[in-house]
Protein backbone atom coordinates (compact mmCIF):
# COMPACT_ATOMS: atom_id res chain seq x y z
CA MET A 1 -5.43 -6.45 19.06
CA ASN A 2 -3.66 -8.53 16.39
CA GLN A 3 -2.33 -7.20 13.11
CA SER A 4 -5.28 -8.35 10.98
CA HIS A 5 -7.82 -6.62 13.24
CA GLN A 6 -5.88 -3.37 13.08
CA VAL A 7 -5.57 -3.59 9.29
CA ILE A 8 -9.32 -4.20 8.94
CA GLN A 9 -10.18 -1.29 11.24
CA THR A 10 -7.95 1.03 9.25
CA ALA A 11 -9.45 -0.26 5.99
CA GLN A 12 -12.94 0.51 7.29
CA GLN A 13 -11.83 4.03 8.18
CA LEU A 14 -10.36 4.55 4.71
CA GLY A 15 -13.62 3.32 3.20
CA ARG A 16 -15.63 5.80 5.25
CA GLU A 17 -13.32 8.57 4.08
CA GLY A 18 -13.58 7.51 0.43
CA ILE A 19 -9.84 6.83 0.13
CA ALA A 20 -8.68 4.17 -2.33
CA TYR A 21 -6.29 1.56 -0.99
CA ALA A 22 -4.83 -1.83 -1.83
CA LEU A 23 -5.04 -4.75 0.57
CA VAL A 24 -1.79 -6.70 0.26
CA THR A 25 -1.63 -10.24 1.68
CA VAL A 26 1.35 -12.58 1.93
CA LEU A 27 0.45 -15.86 0.21
CA LYS A 28 3.77 -17.63 0.58
CA ALA A 29 7.05 -16.97 2.36
CA LEU A 30 10.20 -19.03 1.84
CA PRO A 31 12.86 -18.48 4.53
CA PRO A 32 14.73 -16.46 5.33
CA ALA A 33 11.86 -13.94 5.27
CA SER A 34 10.51 -11.67 7.97
CA ALA A 35 6.91 -11.95 6.77
CA LYS A 36 4.72 -15.03 7.03
CA PRO A 37 1.62 -16.26 5.12
CA GLY A 38 -1.45 -14.27 6.10
CA ASP A 39 0.42 -11.07 6.98
CA LYS A 40 -1.38 -8.04 5.60
CA ALA A 41 -0.75 -4.39 4.82
CA LEU A 42 -2.73 -1.47 3.46
CA VAL A 43 -1.15 0.63 0.74
CA THR A 44 -2.44 3.97 -0.54
CA GLN A 45 -0.86 6.27 -3.12
CA ALA A 46 1.13 7.64 -0.18
CA GLY A 47 2.69 4.24 0.58
CA ILE A 48 2.23 1.59 3.27
CA ILE A 49 0.10 3.03 6.06
CA GLU A 50 -0.74 -0.04 8.13
CA GLY A 51 0.42 -3.63 8.56
CA TRP A 52 3.50 -5.67 7.66
CA ILE A 53 4.39 -7.63 4.55
CA GLY A 54 8.18 -7.71 4.79
CA GLY A 55 11.18 -5.48 5.25
CA GLY A 56 12.77 -2.78 3.18
CA CYS A 57 13.73 -5.10 0.36
CA ALA A 58 10.11 -6.10 -0.35
CA GLN A 59 8.37 -2.80 0.21
CA PRO A 60 9.42 -0.90 -2.97
CA ALA A 61 8.02 -3.62 -5.25
CA VAL A 62 4.82 -3.84 -3.20
CA ILE A 63 4.26 -0.08 -3.23
CA LYS A 64 4.97 0.13 -6.97
CA THR A 65 2.52 -2.68 -7.70
CA ALA A 66 -0.17 -1.27 -5.40
CA ARG A 67 0.01 2.19 -6.98
CA ARG A 68 -0.48 0.68 -10.43
CA ALA A 69 -3.41 -1.39 -9.13
CA LEU A 70 -5.05 1.74 -7.72
CA VAL A 71 -4.90 3.31 -11.18
CA ASP A 72 -6.30 0.44 -13.26
CA GLY A 73 -8.24 -1.53 -10.62
CA CYS A 74 -6.44 -4.78 -11.46
CA SER A 75 -5.61 -7.35 -8.79
CA ARG A 76 -2.17 -8.90 -9.08
CA ILE A 77 -0.02 -11.69 -7.69
CA ILE A 78 3.65 -10.77 -7.36
CA ARG A 79 6.73 -12.73 -6.33
CA ILE A 80 9.80 -11.09 -4.81
CA SER A 81 12.86 -13.33 -4.90
CA PRO A 82 16.67 -13.15 -5.03
CA ALA A 83 17.72 -11.95 -8.47
CA GLU A 84 19.26 -8.97 -10.18
CA GLU A 85 17.88 -5.74 -8.68
CA GLY A 86 15.10 -4.17 -10.75
CA VAL A 87 14.43 -7.21 -12.93
CA GLU A 88 10.74 -7.81 -13.66
CA ARG A 89 9.41 -10.80 -15.55
CA GLU A 90 6.11 -12.60 -16.00
CA LEU A 91 5.78 -16.27 -15.12
CA ASP A 92 2.26 -17.36 -16.06
CA ASP A 93 -0.03 -15.14 -13.94
CA VAL A 94 2.69 -13.99 -11.53
CA LEU A 95 4.84 -10.89 -11.88
CA GLU A 96 8.28 -11.56 -10.43
CA PHE A 97 10.56 -8.88 -9.02
CA GLY A 98 14.25 -9.37 -8.40
CA MET A 99 15.97 -8.13 -5.24
CA THR A 100 19.58 -8.21 -4.12
CA CYS A 101 19.08 -8.17 -0.35
CA HIS A 102 21.65 -10.30 1.45
CA SER A 103 18.97 -11.91 3.58
CA GLY A 104 17.49 -13.71 0.56
CA GLY A 105 14.10 -15.39 0.88
CA THR A 106 11.08 -15.34 -1.39
CA LEU A 107 7.65 -13.76 -0.93
CA GLU A 108 4.47 -14.17 -2.95
CA LEU A 109 1.78 -11.56 -2.34
CA PHE A 110 -1.73 -10.82 -3.53
CA VAL A 111 -2.38 -7.13 -4.23
CA ASP A 112 -6.10 -6.29 -4.24
CA PRO A 113 -7.21 -2.69 -4.95
CA VAL A 114 -10.29 -1.41 -3.12
CA LEU A 115 -11.72 1.67 -4.80
CA PRO A 116 -14.39 3.98 -3.34
CA GLN A 117 -17.99 3.40 -4.37
CA PRO A 118 -19.34 6.17 -6.63
CA THR A 119 -21.94 8.40 -5.03
CA LEU A 120 -25.49 8.98 -6.21
CA THR A 121 -26.86 12.51 -6.07
CA VAL A 122 -30.64 12.76 -6.17
CA ILE A 123 -32.11 16.15 -7.07
CA GLY A 124 -35.68 17.09 -6.23
CA ASP A 125 -38.22 17.09 -3.42
CA THR A 126 -40.79 14.64 -4.76
CA PRO A 127 -42.15 11.19 -3.92
CA LEU A 128 -39.73 9.79 -6.50
CA SER A 129 -36.67 11.50 -5.04
CA ARG A 130 -37.62 10.23 -1.59
CA ALA A 131 -38.05 6.69 -2.94
CA LEU A 132 -34.65 6.92 -4.62
CA SER A 133 -32.98 8.14 -1.43
CA VAL A 134 -34.35 5.12 0.44
CA LEU A 135 -33.55 2.44 -2.12
CA ALA A 136 -30.15 3.59 -3.41
CA PRO A 137 -28.21 3.13 -0.13
CA ARG A 138 -29.52 -0.43 0.03
CA LEU A 139 -27.79 -1.02 -3.29
CA GLY A 140 -24.49 0.16 -1.83
CA LEU A 141 -24.65 3.66 -3.33
CA PRO A 142 -23.75 6.46 -0.90
CA THR A 143 -26.60 8.90 -1.51
CA LEU A 144 -26.59 12.70 -1.48
CA VAL A 145 -29.75 14.76 -1.93
CA ILE A 146 -30.33 18.26 -3.28
CA ALA A 147 -33.89 19.26 -2.40
CA HIS A 148 -34.73 22.95 -2.29
CA ASP A 149 -36.20 23.99 1.09
CA ALA A 150 -36.99 20.35 1.85
CA ASP A 151 -37.74 18.80 5.22
CA ALA A 152 -34.69 16.77 6.27
CA LEU A 153 -36.99 14.23 7.94
CA GLN A 154 -38.20 13.23 4.47
CA PHE A 155 -34.71 11.98 3.56
CA PRO A 156 -33.51 9.99 6.59
CA ASP A 157 -31.20 7.73 4.60
CA ALA A 158 -29.35 10.51 2.78
CA GLN A 159 -25.67 10.80 3.63
CA GLU A 160 -26.00 14.55 3.11
CA LEU A 161 -28.91 16.88 2.32
CA LEU A 162 -28.43 20.21 0.56
CA ARG A 163 -31.50 22.46 0.80
CA ASP A 164 -30.40 24.91 -1.91
CA ASP A 165 -30.37 23.86 -5.56
CA GLN A 166 -28.87 27.11 -6.87
CA ASP A 167 -25.59 27.45 -4.99
CA ILE A 168 -23.77 24.12 -4.75
CA PRO A 169 -20.86 24.31 -2.26
CA GLU A 170 -17.45 23.10 -3.43
CA ALA A 171 -17.33 20.59 -0.58
CA PHE A 172 -20.58 19.02 -1.80
CA LYS A 173 -19.26 18.91 -5.37
CA ALA A 174 -16.12 17.18 -4.17
CA VAL A 175 -18.12 14.39 -2.52
CA ALA A 176 -20.39 14.00 -5.55
CA HIS A 177 -17.45 14.11 -7.98
CA GLN A 178 -17.50 11.39 -10.67
CA GLY A 179 -20.67 9.85 -9.28
CA PHE A 180 -24.15 9.53 -10.75
CA VAL A 181 -26.85 12.23 -10.70
CA ILE A 182 -30.60 11.70 -11.02
CA VAL A 183 -32.84 14.71 -11.54
CA ALA A 184 -36.20 13.62 -10.10
CA THR A 185 -37.94 16.99 -9.91
CA GLN A 186 -41.07 15.87 -11.78
CA GLY A 187 -42.22 19.37 -12.76
CA LYS A 188 -41.10 21.05 -9.55
CA ARG A 189 -38.03 23.25 -10.25
CA ASP A 190 -36.99 21.22 -13.30
CA MET A 191 -34.62 23.84 -14.76
CA GLN A 192 -33.02 24.56 -11.41
CA GLY A 193 -32.54 20.84 -10.85
CA LEU A 194 -30.96 20.33 -14.26
CA ARG A 195 -28.62 23.29 -13.74
CA ALA A 196 -27.63 21.85 -10.37
CA SER A 197 -26.81 18.53 -12.06
CA LEU A 198 -24.58 20.30 -14.58
CA ALA A 199 -22.71 22.04 -11.75
CA ILE A 200 -21.52 18.61 -10.53
CA GLN A 201 -18.77 16.82 -12.41
CA ALA A 202 -20.71 13.62 -12.76
CA ARG A 203 -20.02 10.34 -14.49
CA HIS A 204 -23.60 10.19 -15.83
CA ARG A 205 -26.71 12.36 -15.42
CA PHE A 206 -30.29 11.06 -15.61
CA PHE A 207 -33.46 13.11 -15.98
CA VAL A 208 -36.74 11.40 -15.13
CA ALA A 209 -39.06 12.89 -17.74
CA SER A 210 -40.65 12.11 -21.08
CA GLU A 211 -38.49 12.37 -24.18
CA ARG A 212 -40.47 15.36 -25.46
CA LYS A 213 -40.19 17.28 -22.18
CA ALA A 214 -36.49 16.49 -21.94
CA GLN A 215 -35.85 17.79 -25.45
CA VAL A 216 -37.61 21.08 -24.70
CA LEU A 217 -35.72 21.65 -21.46
CA LYS A 218 -32.38 20.61 -22.94
CA ALA A 219 -32.85 23.13 -25.74
CA ALA A 220 -33.66 25.81 -23.17
CA LEU A 221 -30.50 24.99 -21.22
CA ILE A 222 -28.31 25.24 -24.30
CA GLN A 223 -29.97 28.50 -25.31
CA ALA A 224 -29.26 29.83 -21.81
CA GLY A 225 -25.56 29.14 -22.30
CA GLU A 226 -25.02 25.73 -20.70
CA ASP A 227 -22.39 23.44 -22.23
CA ALA A 228 -24.13 21.72 -25.15
CA SER A 229 -22.06 18.53 -24.90
CA LEU A 230 -22.95 18.09 -21.23
CA VAL A 231 -26.62 18.83 -21.84
CA ASP A 232 -26.83 16.42 -24.78
CA ALA A 233 -25.30 13.67 -22.62
CA ILE A 234 -28.14 13.83 -20.07
CA ILE A 235 -29.96 10.49 -20.21
CA ALA A 236 -33.69 10.99 -20.67
CA PRO A 237 -36.04 9.26 -20.45
CA ALA A 238 -34.30 7.52 -17.56
CA GLY A 239 -34.78 3.96 -16.38
CA GLN A 240 -35.22 0.43 -17.61
CA PRO A 241 -38.52 -0.51 -19.31
CA ILE A 242 -40.18 -2.56 -16.56
CA GLY A 243 -43.66 -1.03 -16.72
CA ALA A 244 -43.05 1.03 -13.58
CA GLN A 245 -45.92 3.16 -12.28
CA THR A 246 -45.49 3.95 -8.58
CA PRO A 247 -42.63 6.14 -7.28
CA GLN A 248 -41.01 3.05 -5.77
CA GLU A 249 -41.23 1.14 -9.05
CA ILE A 250 -39.88 4.10 -11.03
CA ALA A 251 -37.02 4.42 -8.53
CA LEU A 252 -36.22 0.75 -9.06
CA SER A 253 -36.30 1.24 -12.83
CA VAL A 254 -33.93 4.21 -12.74
CA LEU A 255 -31.54 2.59 -10.29
CA ALA A 256 -31.42 -0.49 -12.51
CA ALA A 257 -30.09 1.77 -15.27
CA VAL A 258 -27.55 3.27 -12.86
CA VAL A 259 -26.37 -0.17 -11.76
CA SER A 260 -26.09 -1.28 -15.38
CA LEU A 261 -23.83 1.65 -16.26
CA LYS A 262 -21.88 1.28 -13.05
CA SER A 263 -21.27 -2.40 -13.68
CA SER A 264 -20.22 -1.90 -17.30
CA ALA A 265 -17.86 0.91 -16.32
CA GLY A 266 -16.46 -1.06 -13.40
CA ALA A 267 -16.02 -4.34 -15.27
CA SER A 268 -12.45 -5.28 -14.56
CA PRO A 269 -10.18 -4.91 -17.60
CA CYS A 270 -7.95 -7.46 -15.87
CA GLU A 271 -10.11 -10.53 -16.31
CA GLY A 272 -7.91 -12.77 -18.39
CA GLN A 273 -5.38 -9.98 -18.66
CA SER A 274 -1.68 -9.48 -18.07
CA THR A 275 -0.43 -8.08 -14.78
CA HIS A 276 2.81 -6.51 -16.00
CA LEU A 277 3.39 -3.10 -14.47
CA SER A 278 4.87 -1.63 -17.62
CA ASP A 279 1.57 -2.07 -19.45
CA THR A 280 -0.39 1.15 -19.83
CA ALA A 281 -3.49 -1.04 -20.15
CA CYS A 282 -3.93 -4.71 -19.37
CA GLN A 283 -3.03 -6.88 -22.32
CA PRO A 284 -4.34 -10.40 -23.09
CA LYS A 285 -2.90 -12.89 -20.63
CA THR A 286 -0.62 -15.62 -21.91
CA SER A 287 0.72 -18.72 -20.29
CA LYS A 288 3.79 -18.64 -22.51
CA VAL A 289 7.05 -18.47 -20.57
CA PRO A 290 9.15 -15.45 -21.66
CA GLU A 291 12.26 -16.17 -23.68
CA GLY A 292 15.28 -17.01 -21.60
CA VAL A 293 13.22 -17.94 -18.54
CA SER A 294 13.16 -21.55 -17.48
CA CYS A 295 10.16 -22.96 -15.68
CA LYS A 296 12.66 -24.77 -13.48
CA SER A 297 13.73 -21.38 -12.10
CA ARG A 298 10.41 -21.00 -10.32
CA PRO A 299 10.23 -22.08 -6.65
CA SER A 300 8.50 -25.43 -6.37
CA GLU A 301 5.11 -25.62 -4.66
CA SER A 302 3.47 -28.50 -2.89
CA PRO A 303 -0.12 -29.48 -3.90
CA GLU A 304 -1.32 -28.08 -0.58
CA GLU A 305 0.30 -24.70 -1.28
CA LYS A 306 -1.21 -24.56 -4.75
CA THR A 307 -4.68 -25.36 -3.39
CA PHE A 308 -4.36 -22.75 -0.62
CA LYS A 309 -3.24 -20.06 -3.05
CA LYS A 310 -5.99 -20.86 -5.57
CA ASN A 311 -8.73 -20.83 -2.91
CA PHE A 312 -7.41 -17.66 -1.30
CA VAL A 313 -7.21 -15.68 -4.53
CA GLU A 314 -10.68 -16.80 -5.65
CA LYS A 315 -12.12 -15.72 -2.29
CA GLN A 316 -10.35 -12.35 -2.41
CA VAL A 317 -11.58 -11.64 -5.94
CA LEU A 318 -15.17 -12.52 -5.00
CA ASN A 319 -14.96 -10.17 -2.03
CA GLN A 320 -13.14 -7.42 -3.91
CA LYS A 321 -14.21 -3.90 -2.98
CA SER A 322 -16.55 -5.12 -0.30
CA CYS A 323 -14.37 -7.22 1.99
CA CYS A 324 -14.13 -4.57 4.67
CA ASP A 325 -17.49 -2.82 4.37
CA ALA A 326 -19.30 -2.76 7.66
């Protein structure tokens, strides 16, 4: 098994476990360098766990960059070349690190963060909840279901089914953490379903109900002592206005709203943004060369190298967060 196959297998395992990682690929290597173009490594917050992208001189800069990428979701190109140790500077879209290793050599690497997909928790044992549990996984949303005393055969596509809506285990909450929740009880255990949604630390909560019904039940929840700010944030009515009537159409409508919020929240702040690691948030990108830095100090590239790098980066960005899904 070659290195790339092993890296991909490990990446798939990390994806199944919901662990964020960065896929680091060598774009260019100028000798003397132990890595070569195409070499890959996986980096988590714990460090490099699989693959090879260079020796001890390159690894600290790669790990530092990958950890920042896992925080802000920004892809980066970095260059590691002989210079004063610890020096960082931006040259167009590339962040350059200096190293003082005696071996010399220059590496350019693409650091691409792959973050876990948020989960969708569907609450209720209704035709709508069943339709949601079928359609959501096909949109790439790992789907959990809370359906009181439900028949598991009714939810074959659910990643996990919890048959008790009153006592949510901590392990279930951990999996559902920071995902989306849809309460699709449709008059069957509405209050229990809403309370279950509030027990999960969700990114957004949806309640499929009329505005009037939602207002009445929200008021009852607040009166019963639930956190008013969380209750008020429940989105109801839920779904996009597409004239939906059947459970399948309503499921499509609600999931369209979920996808819309997911896409707006996941829109990369790095499009057209700086890649400097000292930024707490990505700043507008500039092609201006920093003071004191000569363009002549950059390693020259052949037209073929420039074309390869451009095509590679574009392909990686298009495949970001889904390159290793299987």
